Amino acid sequence: MSFQFIWPIFIRDLGGGAREIGIISSIMFLTIALSIIPGGILADRYDRKKLILITWIIAAPAPLIYIFADTWYHLIPGAILYCIFIGWPALEAYIAQAARRGEATRAFTLTYAGFAAGVVLGPLIGSAILQRFPIDYLFVFAFILFCASIIVFFFIAPQRSLPDKEDEQKLSFKTLRWQEMRRLVRTRKLLLLIIFLCLTAFAISISRPFIAPFLQDRFTLHEAVLLRIGAIIGAGELILAVLLGWIGDHWQVWRALTWGLIFVGIAALSLIFTPLLFGAFLAVFLFGADRISGTLHRPVIYPLLPTKIAGMGFALYLFFASLAQSIGPLVGGFLYNISPRVPFILTGVLSLFAAFVIIVKRDS
């Protein structure tokens, strides 16, 4: 997390432009999509803790690969390693199964708030590093943090999927999986829900990789300053995770998701129309709802999933969401070359429209 916000700036430093930022971002999300389905199958069959550990271990060398990059396409091998998310469905299912009854929304938002805390602290430390040392030191620091997180994961409890009913324990795993998967795919409500959520993920991903380049182009900011702004996004994630998680648990998760999309829409439009750097800070803070909105998809989907194949169910959603997010940056890169404001206008309008659709649908 210490370098993620200025990752697009690093691509530009190596000779890339908006198109190349879009290409690498697309490759990353496509890698996620291709690794998720196998990860979902494994999450329902093996110890989820081990799958999460394997994912972290595979991703750890990525920052070291970036050190030796001489041009933008040399970053691709490291980006692919970073995005082999075999353990992501296992992590989603782990959280859902471990959560107390009625607290799924809070469990997801607060768990991912831990990532947000890293987004706050990482960029602040990274900014201090960049003020004194080349960016290579930042990647070494990121590698050290990866290793530390791997050690932490060794201390979480093992977890396997639970059967829905006692009589299902008598069925073979293969037979049960086939029956449940057929029921899952035939659930029209779930598929329509996944399509809608994927469209919102697409809308947000159009502008996500271009926040730092836009700020640098508009306000001529140094990379160290941009990293501090990245910490503001992390603070937004952390605070909004608590707020939206509380709304989801005390009212409805749909209300929390609606407010998350509204915050993203306001953030995208405010970023391009505010004439002041301070106004950009406020917009960036609201952009913290970006990842939280994606997190809120989980408690919306989980009640529709059979417990026995929750990992595969999350994998199905994550696969299509990642495909949508792999297309968004390509569209954003094309639009950014036309006008840097256009990707943010599209994200803002589509996010607010999605929030409006939820309000109308839930009230009808």
Protein backbone atom coordinates (compact mmCIF):
# COMPACT_ATOMS: atom_id res chain seq x y z
CA MET A 1 0.00 0.00 0.00
CA SER A 2 3.01 2.32 0.36
CA PHE A 3 3.29 2.78 -3.41
CA GLN A 4 -0.13 1.89 -4.85
CA PHE A 5 -1.48 5.44 -5.14
CA ILE A 6 1.49 6.66 -7.21
CA TRP A 7 1.71 3.41 -9.20
CA PRO A 8 0.30 5.18 -12.32
CA ILE A 9 2.90 7.95 -11.86
CA PHE A 10 5.65 5.31 -11.85
CA ILE A 11 4.27 3.94 -15.12
CA ARG A 12 4.50 7.44 -16.62
CA ASP A 13 8.05 7.84 -15.32
CA LEU A 14 8.96 4.70 -17.28
CA GLY A 15 7.63 6.11 -20.55
CA GLY A 16 3.97 5.13 -20.33
CA GLY A 17 0.95 7.36 -20.76
CA ALA A 18 -2.75 7.16 -20.00
CA ARG A 19 -3.13 4.31 -22.52
CA GLU A 20 -0.35 2.30 -20.86
CA ILE A 21 -1.79 2.95 -17.38
CA GLY A 22 -5.07 1.57 -18.67
CA ILE A 23 -3.37 -1.45 -20.26
CA ILE A 24 -1.45 -2.47 -17.12
CA SER A 25 -4.48 -1.86 -14.90
CA SER A 26 -6.52 -4.01 -17.26
CA ILE A 27 -3.93 -6.81 -17.19
CA MET A 28 -3.98 -6.73 -13.39
CA PHE A 29 -7.76 -7.08 -13.14
CA LEU A 30 -7.80 -9.73 -15.87
CA THR A 31 -5.23 -11.73 -13.90
CA ILE A 32 -7.48 -11.44 -10.85
CA ALA A 33 -10.46 -12.68 -12.86
CA LEU A 34 -8.62 -15.72 -14.25
CA SER A 35 -7.29 -16.76 -10.84
CA ILE A 36 -10.54 -16.34 -8.94
CA ILE A 37 -12.56 -19.31 -10.29
CA PRO A 38 -9.84 -21.85 -9.37
CA GLY A 39 -9.55 -20.02 -6.04
CA GLY A 40 -13.29 -20.39 -5.43
CA ILE A 41 -13.20 -24.13 -6.09
CA LEU A 42 -10.26 -24.57 -3.74
CA ALA A 43 -11.87 -22.35 -1.06
CA ASP A 44 -14.74 -24.80 -0.67
CA ARG A 45 -12.50 -27.85 -0.54
CA TYR A 46 -9.32 -26.96 1.35
CA ASP A 47 -8.21 -24.95 4.36
CA ARG A 48 -8.91 -21.31 3.55
CA LYS A 49 -6.06 -20.06 5.73
CA LYS A 50 -3.53 -21.89 3.55
CA LEU A 51 -5.01 -20.44 0.37
CA ILE A 52 -4.78 -16.91 1.77
CA LEU A 53 -1.15 -17.52 2.75
CA ILE A 54 -0.26 -18.87 -0.69
CA THR A 55 -1.71 -15.75 -2.32
CA TRP A 56 0.34 -13.42 -0.12
CA ILE A 57 3.53 -15.43 -0.71
CA ILE A 58 3.08 -15.29 -4.50
CA ALA A 59 2.52 -11.52 -4.42
CA ALA A 60 5.43 -10.69 -2.11
CA PRO A 61 8.23 -10.61 -4.77
CA ALA A 62 6.31 -8.18 -7.01
CA PRO A 63 7.81 -4.95 -5.54
CA LEU A 64 11.32 -6.35 -6.05
CA ILE A 65 10.57 -6.95 -9.73
CA TYR A 66 9.57 -3.30 -10.13
CA ILE A 67 13.03 -2.21 -9.01
CA PHE A 68 14.63 -3.67 -12.14
CA ALA A 69 12.10 -2.24 -14.61
CA ASP A 70 13.64 -0.02 -17.30
CA THR A 71 10.44 0.64 -19.23
CA TRP A 72 6.73 0.42 -18.51
CA TYR A 73 6.16 -3.06 -19.97
CA HIS A 74 8.85 -4.50 -17.66
CA LEU A 75 6.34 -3.94 -14.85
CA ILE A 76 3.90 -6.49 -16.27
CA PRO A 77 5.43 -9.67 -14.71
CA GLY A 78 5.37 -8.10 -11.24
CA ALA A 79 1.83 -6.79 -11.79
CA ILE A 80 0.67 -10.30 -12.74
CA LEU A 81 2.26 -11.86 -9.64
CA TYR A 82 0.69 -9.17 -7.48
CA CYS A 83 -2.77 -10.03 -8.84
CA ILE A 84 -2.85 -13.82 -8.68
CA PHE A 85 -5.71 -13.81 -6.19
CA ILE A 86 -6.23 -17.52 -5.66
CA GLY A 87 -6.93 -16.86 -1.99
CA TRP A 88 -9.36 -13.97 -2.46
CA PRO A 89 -12.56 -16.10 -2.55
CA ALA A 90 -11.17 -17.95 0.49
CA LEU A 91 -10.76 -14.62 2.30
CA GLU A 92 -14.31 -13.52 1.41
CA ALA A 93 -15.80 -16.85 2.53
CA TYR A 94 -13.62 -16.84 5.67
CA ILE A 95 -14.99 -13.44 6.74
CA ALA A 96 -18.60 -14.38 5.95
CA GLN A 97 -18.43 -17.67 7.85
CA ALA A 98 -16.61 -16.18 10.83
CA ALA A 99 -18.98 -13.21 11.19
CA ARG A 100 -21.63 -13.28 13.92
CA ARG A 101 -25.25 -13.50 12.85
CA GLY A 102 -26.53 -10.10 11.75
CA GLU A 103 -23.07 -8.51 11.65
CA ALA A 104 -21.89 -9.50 8.17
CA THR A 105 -21.82 -5.92 6.89
CA ARG A 106 -19.70 -4.74 9.81
CA ALA A 107 -17.42 -7.77 9.50
CA PHE A 108 -16.65 -7.03 5.84
CA THR A 109 -16.29 -3.26 6.17
CA LEU A 110 -14.13 -3.40 9.31
CA THR A 111 -11.91 -6.14 7.89
CA TYR A 112 -11.29 -4.12 4.77
CA ALA A 113 -10.81 -1.06 6.96
CA GLY A 114 -7.60 -2.83 7.97
CA PHE A 115 -6.47 -2.45 4.38
CA ALA A 116 -7.52 1.19 4.59
CA ALA A 117 -5.34 1.67 7.67
CA GLY A 118 -2.44 0.41 5.57
CA VAL A 119 -3.38 2.90 2.87
CA VAL A 120 -3.12 5.68 5.48
CA LEU A 121 0.16 4.68 7.11
CA GLY A 122 1.90 3.24 4.04
CA PRO A 123 1.80 6.40 1.91
CA LEU A 124 2.86 8.61 4.84
CA ILE A 125 5.92 6.45 5.46
CA GLY A 126 6.48 6.15 1.72
CA SER A 127 6.35 9.93 1.37
CA ALA A 128 9.09 10.28 3.98
CA ILE A 129 11.17 7.71 2.09
CA LEU A 130 10.74 9.48 -1.27
CA GLN A 131 11.89 12.79 0.20
CA ARG A 132 15.32 11.28 0.96
CA PHE A 133 15.76 8.21 -1.24
CA PRO A 134 14.93 6.98 -4.77
CA ILE A 135 11.68 5.11 -5.36
CA ASP A 136 13.55 1.76 -5.30
CA TYR A 137 13.70 2.07 -1.51
CA LEU A 138 9.93 2.37 -1.48
CA PHE A 139 9.60 -0.99 -3.21
CA VAL A 140 12.01 -2.60 -0.75
CA PHE A 141 9.88 -1.22 2.08
CA ALA A 142 6.75 -2.66 0.44
CA PHE A 143 8.44 -6.07 0.18
CA ILE A 144 9.28 -5.98 3.90
CA LEU A 145 5.64 -5.18 4.72
CA PHE A 146 4.49 -8.08 2.55
CA CYS A 147 6.73 -10.43 4.50
CA ALA A 148 5.41 -9.06 7.79
CA SER A 149 1.79 -9.61 6.69
CA ILE A 150 2.60 -13.20 5.74
CA ILE A 151 3.87 -13.80 9.27
CA VAL A 152 0.66 -12.33 10.73
CA PHE A 153 -1.50 -14.66 8.63
CA PHE A 154 0.20 -17.66 10.21
CA PHE A 155 -1.63 -16.81 13.45
CA ILE A 156 -5.21 -16.85 12.13
CA ALA A 157 -7.30 -19.97 12.77
CA PRO A 158 -7.76 -22.57 10.00
CA GLN A 159 -11.20 -22.73 8.42
CA ARG A 160 -13.08 -25.08 6.09
CA SER A 161 -16.53 -24.66 4.54
CA LEU A 162 -19.54 -25.86 6.53
CA PRO A 163 -22.35 -28.06 5.15
CA ASP A 164 -25.82 -26.51 4.87
CA LYS A 165 -27.56 -29.50 6.47
CA GLU A 166 -26.52 -32.59 8.35
CA ASP A 167 -27.74 -34.95 5.63
CA GLU A 168 -25.52 -33.22 3.10
CA GLN A 169 -22.52 -34.62 4.93
CA LYS A 170 -23.53 -38.04 3.57
CA LEU A 171 -23.30 -36.88 -0.03
CA SER A 172 -20.05 -36.93 -1.92
CA PHE A 173 -18.35 -33.57 -2.29
CA LYS A 174 -18.54 -33.75 -6.07
CA THR A 175 -22.30 -34.53 -6.11
CA LEU A 176 -23.06 -31.77 -3.61
CA ARG A 177 -21.03 -29.23 -5.54
CA TRP A 178 -22.83 -30.04 -8.80
CA GLN A 179 -26.25 -29.74 -7.19
CA GLU A 180 -25.45 -26.46 -5.48
CA MET A 181 -23.75 -24.95 -8.54
CA ARG A 182 -26.79 -25.71 -10.70
CA ARG A 183 -29.00 -24.02 -8.10
CA LEU A 184 -26.60 -21.07 -7.92
CA VAL A 185 -26.47 -20.46 -11.67
CA ARG A 186 -30.25 -20.77 -11.96
CA THR A 187 -30.84 -18.16 -9.25
CA ARG A 188 -32.09 -15.29 -11.42
CA LYS A 189 -32.08 -12.81 -8.57
CA LEU A 190 -28.40 -13.53 -7.83
CA LEU A 191 -27.32 -13.22 -11.47
CA LEU A 192 -29.17 -9.93 -11.97
CA LEU A 193 -27.65 -8.64 -8.77
CA ILE A 194 -24.15 -9.62 -9.91
CA ILE A 195 -24.67 -7.87 -13.26
CA PHE A 196 -25.76 -4.66 -11.54
CA LEU A 197 -22.87 -4.72 -9.05
CA CYS A 198 -20.39 -5.41 -11.85
CA LEU A 199 -21.67 -2.38 -13.74
CA THR A 200 -21.07 -0.21 -10.67
CA ALA A 201 -17.55 -1.70 -10.37
CA PHE A 202 -16.96 -0.85 -14.04
CA ALA A 203 -18.14 2.72 -13.54
CA ILE A 204 -15.76 3.28 -10.63
CA SER A 205 -12.77 1.63 -12.35
CA ILE A 206 -12.95 4.04 -15.29
CA SER A 207 -11.31 6.82 -13.26
CA ARG A 208 -9.65 4.97 -10.37
CA PRO A 209 -6.14 4.62 -11.94
CA PHE A 210 -6.08 8.26 -13.04
CA ILE A 211 -6.59 10.10 -9.74
CA ALA A 212 -2.86 10.60 -9.08
CA PRO A 213 -2.01 11.53 -12.71
CA PHE A 214 -4.88 14.03 -12.77
CA LEU A 215 -3.73 15.67 -9.54
CA GLN A 216 -0.14 15.79 -10.75
CA ASP A 217 -1.13 17.31 -14.10
CA ARG A 218 -3.48 19.87 -12.60
CA PHE A 219 -1.56 21.01 -9.52
CA THR A 220 2.05 20.02 -10.48
CA LEU A 221 2.63 17.95 -7.35
CA HIS A 222 5.75 16.01 -6.36
CA GLU A 223 5.43 12.25 -5.89
CA ALA A 224 6.01 12.58 -2.14
CA VAL A 225 3.07 15.00 -1.91
CA LEU A 226 0.92 12.66 -3.98
CA LEU A 227 1.66 9.87 -1.54
CA ARG A 228 0.39 12.04 1.31
CA ILE A 229 -2.79 12.60 -0.69
CA GLY A 230 -2.99 8.83 -1.06
CA ALA A 231 -3.09 8.68 2.73
CA ILE A 232 -6.17 10.93 2.61
CA ILE A 233 -7.94 8.31 0.49
CA GLY A 234 -6.95 5.73 3.09
CA ALA A 235 -8.37 7.90 5.85
CA GLY A 236 -11.59 8.20 3.85
CA GLU A 237 -11.74 4.41 3.48
CA LEU A 238 -11.17 3.92 7.19
CA ILE A 239 -13.76 6.43 8.40
CA LEU A 240 -16.37 5.65 5.75
CA ALA A 241 -15.95 1.91 6.39
CA VAL A 242 -17.08 2.43 9.98
CA LEU A 243 -19.91 4.76 8.96
CA LEU A 244 -21.26 2.64 6.10
CA GLY A 245 -20.81 -0.57 8.08
CA TRP A 246 -22.92 0.90 10.89
CA ILE A 247 -25.60 2.00 8.40
CA GLY A 248 -25.64 -1.47 6.84
CA ASP A 249 -26.03 -3.31 10.13
CA HIS A 250 -28.54 -0.94 11.77
CA TRP A 251 -30.68 -0.18 8.73
CA GLN A 252 -30.08 -1.99 5.44
CA VAL A 253 -26.93 -2.85 3.51
CA TRP A 254 -28.63 -1.40 0.42
CA ARG A 255 -28.74 1.99 2.11
CA ALA A 256 -25.05 1.76 2.89
CA LEU A 257 -24.27 0.81 -0.72
CA THR A 258 -26.41 3.72 -1.97
CA TRP A 259 -24.54 6.21 0.19
CA GLY A 260 -21.21 4.71 -0.91
CA LEU A 261 -22.09 5.28 -4.57
CA ILE A 262 -23.29 8.81 -3.80
CA PHE A 263 -19.97 9.60 -2.10
CA VAL A 264 -18.02 8.25 -5.10
CA GLY A 265 -20.16 10.27 -7.52
CA ILE A 266 -19.68 13.48 -5.55
CA ALA A 267 -15.94 12.78 -5.22
CA ALA A 268 -15.43 12.25 -8.96
CA LEU A 269 -17.31 15.38 -9.98
CA SER A 270 -15.86 17.54 -7.19
CA LEU A 271 -12.30 16.55 -8.10
CA ILE A 272 -12.56 18.03 -11.59
CA PHE A 273 -14.62 21.11 -10.79
CA THR A 274 -12.96 22.39 -7.61
CA PRO A 275 -10.46 25.18 -8.31
CA LEU A 276 -8.64 24.72 -5.00
CA LEU A 277 -6.18 22.07 -3.85
CA PHE A 278 -8.03 21.91 -0.52
CA GLY A 279 -11.22 21.08 -2.42
CA ALA A 280 -9.30 18.28 -4.16
CA PHE A 281 -8.33 16.97 -0.72
CA LEU A 282 -11.99 16.73 0.28
CA ALA A 283 -12.85 15.02 -3.01
CA VAL A 284 -10.03 12.52 -2.53
CA PHE A 285 -11.27 11.80 0.99
CA LEU A 286 -14.73 10.93 -0.38
CA PHE A 287 -13.05 8.71 -2.98
CA GLY A 288 -12.33 6.44 -0.03
CA ALA A 289 -15.90 5.21 -0.54
CA ASP A 290 -14.65 3.66 -3.80
CA ARG A 291 -13.30 0.45 -2.25
CA ILE A 292 -15.88 0.44 0.54
CA SER A 293 -18.68 0.37 -2.04
CA GLY A 294 -17.10 -2.77 -3.50
CA THR A 295 -16.83 -4.25 -0.03
CA LEU A 296 -20.55 -3.68 0.53
CA HIS A 297 -21.30 -5.98 -2.40
CA ARG A 298 -20.29 -8.94 -0.22
CA PRO A 299 -23.03 -8.78 2.46
CA VAL A 300 -25.56 -8.11 -0.33
CA ILE A 301 -24.56 -11.31 -2.13
CA TYR A 302 -23.84 -13.60 0.82
CA PRO A 303 -27.49 -14.27 1.89
CA LEU A 304 -28.18 -15.66 -1.60
CA LEU A 305 -25.29 -18.17 -1.48
CA PRO A 306 -25.49 -21.75 -0.22
CA THR A 307 -23.10 -22.00 2.73
CA LYS A 308 -21.38 -25.10 1.39
CA ILE A 309 -20.15 -23.34 -1.75
CA ALA A 310 -19.85 -19.78 -0.47
CA GLY A 311 -16.27 -19.67 -1.79
CA MET A 312 -17.41 -20.57 -5.29
CA GLY A 313 -20.29 -18.13 -5.07
CA PHE A 314 -17.97 -15.28 -4.17
CA ALA A 315 -15.61 -16.42 -6.93
CA LEU A 316 -18.43 -16.14 -9.47
CA TYR A 317 -19.11 -12.56 -8.41
CA LEU A 318 -15.43 -11.61 -8.17
CA PHE A 319 -14.73 -13.12 -11.60
CA PHE A 320 -17.31 -10.96 -13.35
CA ALA A 321 -16.50 -7.91 -11.23
CA SER A 322 -12.80 -8.24 -12.11
CA LEU A 323 -13.64 -8.61 -15.80
CA ALA A 324 -15.68 -5.41 -15.59
CA GLN A 325 -12.82 -3.67 -13.80
CA SER A 326 -10.36 -4.86 -16.47
CA ILE A 327 -12.38 -3.03 -19.13
CA GLY A 328 -12.86 0.19 -17.14
CA PRO A 329 -9.19 1.35 -17.15
CA LEU A 330 -8.94 0.79 -20.94
CA VAL A 331 -11.97 3.03 -21.42
CA GLY A 332 -10.55 5.51 -18.91
CA GLY A 333 -7.15 5.64 -20.63
CA PHE A 334 -8.79 6.34 -23.99
CA LEU A 335 -10.99 9.07 -22.50
CA TYR A 336 -8.13 10.60 -20.49
CA ASN A 337 -6.21 11.21 -23.72
CA ILE A 338 -9.24 13.03 -25.10
CA SER A 339 -9.70 15.09 -21.92
CA PRO A 340 -8.48 14.30 -18.37
CA ARG A 341 -11.86 15.36 -16.98
CA VAL A 342 -13.98 12.93 -19.01
CA PRO A 343 -13.24 9.69 -17.05
CA PHE A 344 -14.21 11.40 -13.80
CA ILE A 345 -17.39 12.85 -15.31
CA LEU A 346 -18.39 9.37 -16.49
CA THR A 347 -17.63 7.79 -13.10
CA GLY A 348 -19.52 10.52 -11.27
CA VAL A 349 -22.62 10.38 -13.46
CA LEU A 350 -22.79 6.56 -13.55
CA SER A 351 -22.26 6.23 -9.79
CA LEU A 352 -25.03 8.70 -8.99
CA PHE A 353 -27.31 7.00 -11.51
CA ALA A 354 -26.64 3.60 -9.91
CA ALA A 355 -27.52 5.07 -6.50
CA PHE A 356 -30.75 6.47 -8.00
CA VAL A 357 -31.62 3.03 -9.44
CA ILE A 358 -31.18 1.42 -6.00
CA ILE A 359 -33.41 4.03 -4.34
CA VAL A 360 -36.16 3.61 -6.95
CA LYS A 361 -35.92 -0.18 -6.91
CA ARG A 362 -36.03 -0.49 -3.13
CA ASP A 363 -38.95 1.94 -2.80
CA SER A 364 -41.03 0.31 -5.54
